[in-house]
Structures are given as C-alpha cells and as structure tokens.
Amino acid sequence: MTCVYIDADACPVRPETMRVASRHKLQVYVVCNGGLRLDPDPLVETVIVSDGPDVADMWIADRAAKGDVVITGDIPLAAKCVENGARVVRHNGEVFTPANIGNLLATRDLMTDLRAADPFRQGGGKPFYKADRSRFLDTLEREVRFAIRDQTG
C-alpha cells in the first residue's frame, strides 16, 4: 500500500497533503519531535520521535520505499528516500529525482561551507507564496498517482 511520509517539522503544506492523501485513501505518517496536534483521521498516524539531530529523518528514511511519497525540504533526507525508490516532493512543488538529487546535495554542501567560512553570509530561506502551495498540490497529486502505479506495477 502506498504511504505518505511528512517530515512535519516546519512543514507548511500539511493540510494540502492530508487533502490529497484522503482523496486517495492513503496512510499518512506525520513524523516530528513533538508539538503537533494529533489528527483524528484514522489514516493519519502522528509519529513523535525522540529529540536529537535527524531522528525524524532517519525514521522516515528507514521506511520510505518504492511506491511511497515523502514530503520534505531536507535534501539529505530526500537523497536517502530517492535512493530507496520513493517519490519525494519539496514544499514548493519541486520534485527530487535520481537525475537532480546529486546536484542539489552538492549545492547544499557548497552553501554550507560558504556560510561556515563567512559568518556574515547567512542568507535565509525563500519566502513561501500562494503559487508555491498551488504548485505543490498539483505536483503531489501527480506524484501520488505515479507512486500508486509504482506500487501496483
């Protein structure tokens, strides 16, 4: 059965993900370190992992496989899930694939090194717009359909 895993810490698209998953009657795992309200839907399981670096990411990476969909903005987690065959979508609708994940990891590592070398180069995340939410919904619907086909085919 196709499952949806949400890396829920700082996830701005949980309601949209729930709507798509509900339409397809998919099991959803909302994985976090705590602080989230439990969802009453029987197809939604909130998984609260212990505190620690990347504990939620490891929980998801250990379970996500071909035929599953992962929602995350975390590039190292996305790389592990793509390697496992899962379909991975970023909050803005960007899809992580075997073709682009290597470049995205390299860019992330380069930017981490640049920020470490220059404490004044901190930057910040990109703003999240209504268009990102719309693009995410379209992309998630498409990726869920592909994942269901991956699972059955």
N, C-alpha and C. Protein backbone atom coordinates (compact mmCIF):
# COMPACT_ATOMS: atom_id res chain seq x y z
N MET A 1 0.84 -1.18 0.00
CA MET A 1 0.00 0.00 0.00
C MET A 1 0.88 1.25 0.00
N THR A 2 0.54 2.20 -0.82
CA THR A 2 1.26 3.46 -0.89
C THR A 2 1.05 4.25 0.40
N CYS A 3 2.13 4.76 0.96
CA CYS A 3 2.08 5.58 2.17
C CYS A 3 2.68 6.94 1.87
N VAL A 4 2.24 7.92 2.64
CA VAL A 4 2.78 9.27 2.53
C VAL A 4 3.47 9.58 3.85
N TYR A 5 4.73 10.01 3.78
CA TYR A 5 5.51 10.39 4.96
C TYR A 5 5.73 11.88 4.91
N ILE A 6 5.38 12.56 6.01
CA ILE A 6 5.58 14.01 6.08
C ILE A 6 6.66 14.30 7.12
N ASP A 7 7.73 14.93 6.68
CA ASP A 7 8.74 15.45 7.60
C ASP A 7 8.12 16.73 8.15
N ALA A 8 7.44 16.60 9.30
CA ALA A 8 6.48 17.62 9.75
C ALA A 8 7.08 18.84 10.43
N ASP A 9 8.31 18.79 10.85
CA ASP A 9 8.90 19.97 11.48
C ASP A 9 9.01 21.07 10.42
N ALA A 10 8.33 22.16 10.64
CA ALA A 10 8.32 23.32 9.74
C ALA A 10 7.74 22.99 8.36
N CYS A 11 6.72 22.16 8.31
CA CYS A 11 6.08 21.81 7.04
C CYS A 11 4.86 22.69 6.81
N PRO A 12 4.90 23.56 5.80
CA PRO A 12 3.77 24.47 5.58
C PRO A 12 2.62 23.87 4.77
N VAL A 13 2.74 22.63 4.33
CA VAL A 13 1.74 22.06 3.43
C VAL A 13 1.07 20.80 3.98
N ARG A 14 1.01 20.68 5.29
CA ARG A 14 0.34 19.51 5.88
C ARG A 14 -1.14 19.43 5.47
N PRO A 15 -1.91 20.52 5.56
CA PRO A 15 -3.33 20.41 5.19
C PRO A 15 -3.54 19.97 3.73
N GLU A 16 -2.72 20.49 2.84
CA GLU A 16 -2.81 20.11 1.43
C GLU A 16 -2.46 18.64 1.24
N THR A 17 -1.44 18.19 1.96
CA THR A 17 -1.04 16.78 1.86
C THR A 17 -2.16 15.88 2.37
N MET A 18 -2.77 16.27 3.48
CA MET A 18 -3.87 15.47 4.04
C MET A 18 -5.04 15.39 3.07
N ARG A 19 -5.32 16.50 2.39
CA ARG A 19 -6.43 16.52 1.44
C ARG A 19 -6.20 15.54 0.29
N VAL A 20 -5.01 15.55 -0.28
CA VAL A 20 -4.69 14.64 -1.39
C VAL A 20 -4.67 13.19 -0.90
N ALA A 21 -4.05 12.95 0.24
CA ALA A 21 -3.97 11.59 0.78
C ALA A 21 -5.36 11.05 1.10
N SER A 22 -6.21 11.89 1.64
CA SER A 22 -7.58 11.48 1.98
C SER A 22 -8.35 11.10 0.71
N ARG A 23 -8.18 11.87 -0.34
CA ARG A 23 -8.86 11.60 -1.61
C ARG A 23 -8.48 10.22 -2.15
N HIS A 24 -7.22 9.82 -1.93
CA HIS A 24 -6.73 8.53 -2.42
C HIS A 24 -6.77 7.44 -1.35
N LYS A 25 -7.24 7.80 -0.15
CA LYS A 25 -7.32 6.87 0.98
C LYS A 25 -5.97 6.22 1.29
N LEU A 26 -4.95 7.08 1.46
CA LEU A 26 -3.59 6.63 1.74
C LEU A 26 -3.26 6.80 3.22
N GLN A 27 -2.46 5.89 3.73
CA GLN A 27 -1.93 6.00 5.09
C GLN A 27 -0.91 7.13 5.10
N VAL A 28 -1.02 8.02 6.10
CA VAL A 28 -0.11 9.15 6.23
C VAL A 28 0.60 9.06 7.57
N TYR A 29 1.92 9.22 7.55
CA TYR A 29 2.72 9.29 8.77
C TYR A 29 3.25 10.70 8.90
N VAL A 30 2.86 11.39 9.94
CA VAL A 30 3.33 12.73 10.23
C VAL A 30 4.43 12.57 11.28
N VAL A 31 5.67 12.78 10.90
CA VAL A 31 6.81 12.47 11.76
C VAL A 31 7.44 13.77 12.27
N CYS A 32 7.57 13.86 13.60
CA CYS A 32 8.10 15.09 14.20
C CYS A 32 8.70 14.80 15.57
N ASN A 33 9.28 15.84 16.16
CA ASN A 33 9.84 15.74 17.51
C ASN A 33 8.83 16.13 18.57
N GLY A 34 7.61 16.41 18.18
CA GLY A 34 6.56 16.77 19.14
C GLY A 34 6.00 18.14 18.84
N GLY A 35 4.99 18.51 19.59
CA GLY A 35 4.41 19.83 19.45
C GLY A 35 3.32 19.94 18.41
N LEU A 36 2.90 18.82 17.82
CA LEU A 36 1.83 18.87 16.83
C LEU A 36 0.55 18.30 17.42
N ARG A 37 -0.56 18.86 17.00
CA ARG A 37 -1.85 18.33 17.42
C ARG A 37 -2.12 17.04 16.63
N LEU A 38 -2.65 16.04 17.32
CA LEU A 38 -2.96 14.77 16.67
C LEU A 38 -4.14 14.94 15.72
N ASP A 39 -4.08 14.25 14.61
CA ASP A 39 -5.15 14.31 13.62
C ASP A 39 -6.13 13.16 13.91
N PRO A 40 -7.43 13.44 13.96
CA PRO A 40 -8.40 12.39 14.28
C PRO A 40 -8.64 11.38 13.15
N ASP A 41 -8.18 11.67 11.95
CA ASP A 41 -8.38 10.77 10.82
C ASP A 41 -7.68 9.44 11.09
N PRO A 42 -8.37 8.31 10.94
CA PRO A 42 -7.75 7.00 11.22
C PRO A 42 -6.63 6.64 10.25
N LEU A 43 -6.56 7.32 9.10
CA LEU A 43 -5.47 7.05 8.16
C LEU A 43 -4.23 7.89 8.44
N VAL A 44 -4.30 8.74 9.46
CA VAL A 44 -3.16 9.60 9.80
C VAL A 44 -2.58 9.16 11.13
N GLU A 45 -1.30 8.84 11.11
CA GLU A 45 -0.60 8.48 12.34
C GLU A 45 0.48 9.51 12.62
N THR A 46 0.41 10.13 13.78
CA THR A 46 1.44 11.08 14.18
C THR A 46 2.52 10.30 14.92
N VAL A 47 3.73 10.37 14.40
CA VAL A 47 4.87 9.66 14.99
C VAL A 47 5.76 10.69 15.66
N ILE A 48 5.85 10.60 16.97
CA ILE A 48 6.71 11.53 17.71
C ILE A 48 7.98 10.78 18.08
N VAL A 49 9.09 11.24 17.51
CA VAL A 49 10.38 10.60 17.75
C VAL A 49 11.11 11.35 18.86
N SER A 50 12.12 10.72 19.40
CA SER A 50 12.89 11.36 20.47
C SER A 50 13.67 12.54 19.91
N ASP A 51 14.04 13.47 20.81
CA ASP A 51 14.84 14.62 20.41
C ASP A 51 16.22 14.14 19.95
N GLY A 52 16.77 14.86 19.06
CA GLY A 52 18.10 14.54 18.56
C GLY A 52 18.20 14.91 17.10
N PRO A 53 19.42 15.12 16.65
CA PRO A 53 19.60 15.52 15.26
C PRO A 53 19.19 14.41 14.30
N ASP A 54 18.33 14.75 13.37
CA ASP A 54 17.94 13.86 12.27
C ASP A 54 17.22 12.59 12.68
N VAL A 55 16.65 12.52 13.89
CA VAL A 55 15.94 11.31 14.33
C VAL A 55 14.69 11.11 13.48
N ALA A 56 13.94 12.18 13.23
CA ALA A 56 12.75 12.07 12.39
C ALA A 56 13.14 11.68 10.97
N ASP A 57 14.22 12.25 10.47
CA ASP A 57 14.68 11.92 9.12
C ASP A 57 15.05 10.44 9.02
N MET A 58 15.74 9.93 10.02
CA MET A 58 16.13 8.52 9.99
C MET A 58 14.90 7.61 10.03
N TRP A 59 13.89 8.00 10.82
CA TRP A 59 12.67 7.20 10.92
C TRP A 59 12.02 7.09 9.54
N ILE A 60 11.93 8.22 8.84
CA ILE A 60 11.32 8.22 7.51
C ILE A 60 12.18 7.44 6.52
N ALA A 61 13.47 7.71 6.49
CA ALA A 61 14.37 7.06 5.53
C ALA A 61 14.39 5.54 5.71
N ASP A 62 14.23 5.07 6.93
CA ASP A 62 14.21 3.62 7.18
C ASP A 62 12.96 2.95 6.64
N ARG A 63 11.89 3.72 6.37
CA ARG A 63 10.61 3.13 5.99
C ARG A 63 10.16 3.44 4.56
N ALA A 64 10.49 4.62 4.07
CA ALA A 64 10.03 5.03 2.74
C ALA A 64 10.69 4.17 1.67
N ALA A 65 9.86 3.69 0.73
CA ALA A 65 10.36 2.80 -0.31
C ALA A 65 9.62 3.07 -1.61
N LYS A 66 9.91 2.27 -2.61
CA LYS A 66 9.23 2.41 -3.90
C LYS A 66 7.73 2.30 -3.68
N GLY A 67 7.00 3.22 -4.30
CA GLY A 67 5.55 3.24 -4.14
C GLY A 67 5.08 4.16 -3.03
N ASP A 68 6.01 4.82 -2.33
CA ASP A 68 5.67 5.77 -1.27
C ASP A 68 6.00 7.19 -1.72
N VAL A 69 5.42 8.16 -1.01
CA VAL A 69 5.68 9.57 -1.28
C VAL A 69 6.17 10.22 0.01
N VAL A 70 7.22 11.01 -0.09
CA VAL A 70 7.78 11.72 1.06
C VAL A 70 7.69 13.22 0.79
N ILE A 71 7.23 13.96 1.81
CA ILE A 71 7.16 15.41 1.73
C ILE A 71 8.24 15.97 2.66
N THR A 72 9.23 16.63 2.09
CA THR A 72 10.32 17.19 2.89
C THR A 72 11.04 18.29 2.14
N GLY A 73 11.66 19.17 2.89
CA GLY A 73 12.55 20.17 2.33
C GLY A 73 14.00 19.84 2.65
N ASP A 74 14.22 18.73 3.34
CA ASP A 74 15.54 18.32 3.80
C ASP A 74 16.23 17.52 2.68
N ILE A 75 17.27 18.08 2.09
CA ILE A 75 17.91 17.47 0.93
C ILE A 75 18.60 16.14 1.27
N PRO A 76 19.34 16.01 2.39
CA PRO A 76 19.91 14.70 2.70
C PRO A 76 18.83 13.61 2.90
N LEU A 77 17.73 13.96 3.56
CA LEU A 77 16.64 13.00 3.70
C LEU A 77 16.06 12.66 2.33
N ALA A 78 15.87 13.66 1.50
CA ALA A 78 15.35 13.41 0.15
C ALA A 78 16.27 12.46 -0.61
N ALA A 79 17.58 12.63 -0.48
CA ALA A 79 18.54 11.76 -1.18
C ALA A 79 18.38 10.31 -0.73
N LYS A 80 18.23 10.09 0.56
CA LYS A 80 18.06 8.72 1.06
C LYS A 80 16.77 8.11 0.55
N CYS A 81 15.70 8.89 0.54
CA CYS A 81 14.40 8.38 0.10
C CYS A 81 14.39 8.11 -1.40
N VAL A 82 15.00 8.99 -2.19
CA VAL A 82 15.10 8.78 -3.63
C VAL A 82 15.90 7.50 -3.89
N GLU A 83 16.97 7.31 -3.13
CA GLU A 83 17.78 6.10 -3.27
C GLU A 83 16.95 4.84 -2.97
N ASN A 84 16.00 4.96 -2.04
CA ASN A 84 15.13 3.83 -1.70
C ASN A 84 14.02 3.62 -2.72
N GLY A 85 13.88 4.53 -3.68
CA GLY A 85 12.86 4.40 -4.72
C GLY A 85 11.59 5.18 -4.46
N ALA A 86 11.52 5.92 -3.35
CA ALA A 86 10.33 6.71 -3.03
C ALA A 86 10.28 7.95 -3.92
N ARG A 87 9.10 8.50 -4.06
CA ARG A 87 8.90 9.77 -4.75
C ARG A 87 8.95 10.86 -3.69
N VAL A 88 9.72 11.92 -3.94
CA VAL A 88 9.96 12.94 -2.91
C VAL A 88 9.62 14.31 -3.47
N VAL A 89 8.79 15.04 -2.69
CA VAL A 89 8.32 16.36 -3.12
C VAL A 89 8.69 17.38 -2.06
N ARG A 90 9.23 18.50 -2.51
CA ARG A 90 9.54 19.63 -1.63
C ARG A 90 8.27 20.47 -1.47
N HIS A 91 8.22 21.26 -0.42
CA HIS A 91 7.02 22.05 -0.10
C HIS A 91 6.59 23.01 -1.19
N ASN A 92 7.51 23.41 -2.05
CA ASN A 92 7.16 24.34 -3.13
C ASN A 92 6.76 23.64 -4.42
N GLY A 93 6.68 22.31 -4.38
CA GLY A 93 6.29 21.54 -5.56
C GLY A 93 7.44 20.98 -6.36
N GLU A 94 8.66 21.30 -5.98
CA GLU A 94 9.82 20.74 -6.67
C GLU A 94 9.91 19.25 -6.34
N VAL A 95 10.25 18.45 -7.34
CA VAL A 95 10.38 17.01 -7.16
C VAL A 95 11.86 16.65 -7.11
N PHE A 96 12.24 15.88 -6.11
CA PHE A 96 13.60 15.35 -6.03
C PHE A 96 13.62 14.04 -6.81
N THR A 97 14.57 13.91 -7.72
CA THR A 97 14.65 12.72 -8.56
C THR A 97 16.09 12.18 -8.57
N PRO A 98 16.29 10.96 -9.07
CA PRO A 98 17.66 10.46 -9.21
C PRO A 98 18.50 11.37 -10.12
N ALA A 99 17.86 12.06 -11.07
CA ALA A 99 18.59 12.92 -12.00
C ALA A 99 19.05 14.23 -11.39
N ASN A 100 18.34 14.74 -10.36
CA ASN A 100 18.72 16.06 -9.83
C ASN A 100 19.26 16.03 -8.40
N ILE A 101 19.13 14.92 -7.69
CA ILE A 101 19.48 14.91 -6.27
C ILE A 101 20.98 15.11 -6.03
N GLY A 102 21.82 14.58 -6.89
CA GLY A 102 23.27 14.75 -6.71
C GLY A 102 23.68 16.21 -6.78
N ASN A 103 23.15 16.92 -7.76
CA ASN A 103 23.46 18.35 -7.91
C ASN A 103 22.91 19.15 -6.73
N LEU A 104 21.70 18.82 -6.28
CA LEU A 104 21.12 19.53 -5.14
C LEU A 104 21.93 19.30 -3.86
N LEU A 105 22.40 18.07 -3.66
CA LEU A 105 23.25 17.78 -2.49
C LEU A 105 24.56 18.55 -2.56
N ALA A 106 25.17 18.56 -3.74
CA ALA A 106 26.45 19.26 -3.90
C ALA A 106 26.28 20.76 -3.65
N THR A 107 25.21 21.34 -4.17
CA THR A 107 24.95 22.77 -3.96
C THR A 107 24.72 23.06 -2.48
N ARG A 108 23.95 22.19 -1.82
CA ARG A 108 23.69 22.36 -0.39
C ARG A 108 25.00 22.33 0.40
N ASP A 109 25.85 21.36 0.08
CA ASP A 109 27.13 21.24 0.79
C ASP A 109 28.02 22.45 0.54
N LEU A 110 28.04 22.93 -0.69
CA LEU A 110 28.83 24.11 -1.03
C LEU A 110 28.34 25.32 -0.23
N MET A 111 27.04 25.53 -0.20
CA MET A 111 26.49 26.67 0.53
C MET A 111 26.76 26.56 2.03
N THR A 112 26.72 25.35 2.57
CA THR A 112 27.04 25.14 3.99
C THR A 112 28.48 25.55 4.26
N ASP A 113 29.39 25.15 3.36
CA ASP A 113 30.80 25.50 3.52
C ASP A 113 31.01 27.01 3.40
N LEU A 114 30.33 27.65 2.46
CA LEU A 114 30.46 29.11 2.30
C LEU A 114 29.96 29.85 3.54
N ARG A 115 28.82 29.40 4.10
CA ARG A 115 28.30 30.06 5.30
C ARG A 115 29.24 29.84 6.48
N ALA A 116 29.86 28.68 6.57
CA ALA A 116 30.80 28.41 7.67
C ALA A 116 32.05 29.27 7.54
N ALA A 117 32.48 29.53 6.31
CA ALA A 117 33.70 30.31 6.08
C ALA A 117 33.46 31.81 6.26
N ASP A 118 32.24 32.27 6.08
CA ASP A 118 31.93 33.69 6.16
C ASP A 118 30.70 33.88 7.05
N PRO A 119 30.91 34.21 8.32
CA PRO A 119 29.76 34.31 9.23
C PRO A 119 28.76 35.41 8.85
N PHE A 120 29.15 36.31 7.97
CA PHE A 120 28.23 37.36 7.54
C PHE A 120 27.35 36.92 6.37
N ARG A 121 27.67 35.78 5.78
CA ARG A 121 26.89 35.25 4.67
C ARG A 121 25.93 34.21 5.23
N GLN A 122 24.85 34.66 5.79
CA GLN A 122 23.91 33.73 6.41
C GLN A 122 22.71 33.45 5.51
N GLY A 123 22.24 34.43 4.81
CA GLY A 123 21.10 34.20 3.94
C GLY A 123 19.88 33.76 4.73
N GLY A 124 18.97 33.16 4.07
CA GLY A 124 17.76 32.67 4.71
C GLY A 124 16.94 31.89 3.71
N GLY A 125 15.88 31.29 4.19
CA GLY A 125 15.03 30.53 3.30
C GLY A 125 14.25 31.43 2.38
N LYS A 126 13.82 30.86 1.28
CA LYS A 126 13.00 31.62 0.34
C LYS A 126 11.60 31.78 0.92
N PRO A 127 10.92 32.87 0.61
CA PRO A 127 9.54 33.03 1.08
C PRO A 127 8.64 31.97 0.45
N PHE A 128 7.56 31.63 1.11
CA PHE A 128 6.61 30.65 0.63
C PHE A 128 5.36 31.38 0.16
N TYR A 129 5.08 31.28 -1.14
CA TYR A 129 3.98 32.02 -1.74
C TYR A 129 2.77 31.14 -2.02
N LYS A 130 1.65 31.78 -2.29
CA LYS A 130 0.42 31.07 -2.64
C LYS A 130 0.65 30.21 -3.89
N ALA A 131 1.43 30.70 -4.83
CA ALA A 131 1.74 29.94 -6.04
C ALA A 131 2.51 28.67 -5.71
N ASP A 132 3.39 28.71 -4.68
CA ASP A 132 4.12 27.51 -4.25
C ASP A 132 3.14 26.45 -3.74
N ARG A 133 2.14 26.89 -2.98
CA ARG A 133 1.14 25.98 -2.42
C ARG A 133 0.35 25.31 -3.56
N SER A 134 -0.03 26.09 -4.54
CA SER A 134 -0.77 25.58 -5.68
C SER A 134 0.07 24.59 -6.49
N ARG A 135 1.33 24.95 -6.73
CA ARG A 135 2.25 24.07 -7.46
C ARG A 135 2.46 22.77 -6.69
N PHE A 136 2.57 22.89 -5.35
CA PHE A 136 2.73 21.70 -4.52
C PHE A 136 1.54 20.76 -4.68
N LEU A 137 0.33 21.30 -4.62
CA LEU A 137 -0.88 20.47 -4.76
C LEU A 137 -0.90 19.73 -6.09
N ASP A 138 -0.60 20.42 -7.17
CA ASP A 138 -0.58 19.78 -8.49
C ASP A 138 0.48 18.69 -8.55
N THR A 139 1.67 19.01 -8.06
CA THR A 139 2.76 18.05 -8.09
C THR A 139 2.47 16.84 -7.21
N LEU A 140 1.95 17.08 -6.02
CA LEU A 140 1.66 15.97 -5.11
C LEU A 140 0.62 15.04 -5.72
N GLU A 141 -0.41 15.58 -6.31
CA GLU A 141 -1.43 14.74 -6.96
C GLU A 141 -0.80 13.85 -8.02
N ARG A 142 0.05 14.43 -8.85
CA ARG A 142 0.72 13.67 -9.90
C ARG A 142 1.65 12.60 -9.31
N GLU A 143 2.44 12.98 -8.31
CA GLU A 143 3.39 12.03 -7.72
C GLU A 143 2.67 10.90 -6.97
N VAL A 144 1.55 11.19 -6.34
CA VAL A 144 0.78 10.14 -5.67
C VAL A 144 0.28 9.14 -6.71
N ARG A 145 -0.22 9.62 -7.82
CA ARG A 145 -0.69 8.70 -8.87
C ARG A 145 0.45 7.85 -9.41
N PHE A 146 1.62 8.46 -9.61
CA PHE A 146 2.78 7.68 -10.05
C PHE A 146 3.17 6.64 -9.00
N ALA A 147 3.15 7.04 -7.73
CA ALA A 147 3.53 6.13 -6.64
C ALA A 147 2.58 4.94 -6.57
N ILE A 148 1.30 5.20 -6.74
CA ILE A 148 0.32 4.10 -6.72
C ILE A 148 0.60 3.15 -7.87
N ARG A 149 0.93 3.68 -9.04
CA ARG A 149 1.32 2.84 -10.18
C ARG A 149 2.60 2.07 -9.88
N ASP A 150 3.57 2.73 -9.24
CA ASP A 150 4.83 2.05 -8.88
C ASP A 150 4.54 0.87 -7.96
N GLN A 151 3.61 1.05 -7.05
CA GLN A 151 3.27 0.03 -6.06
C GLN A 151 2.57 -1.16 -6.73
N THR A 152 1.70 -0.90 -7.67
CA THR A 152 0.92 -1.97 -8.28
C THR A 152 1.56 -2.56 -9.52
N GLY A 153 2.44 -1.80 -10.14
CA GLY A 153 3.01 -2.25 -11.41
C GLY A 153 4.37 -2.74 -11.25
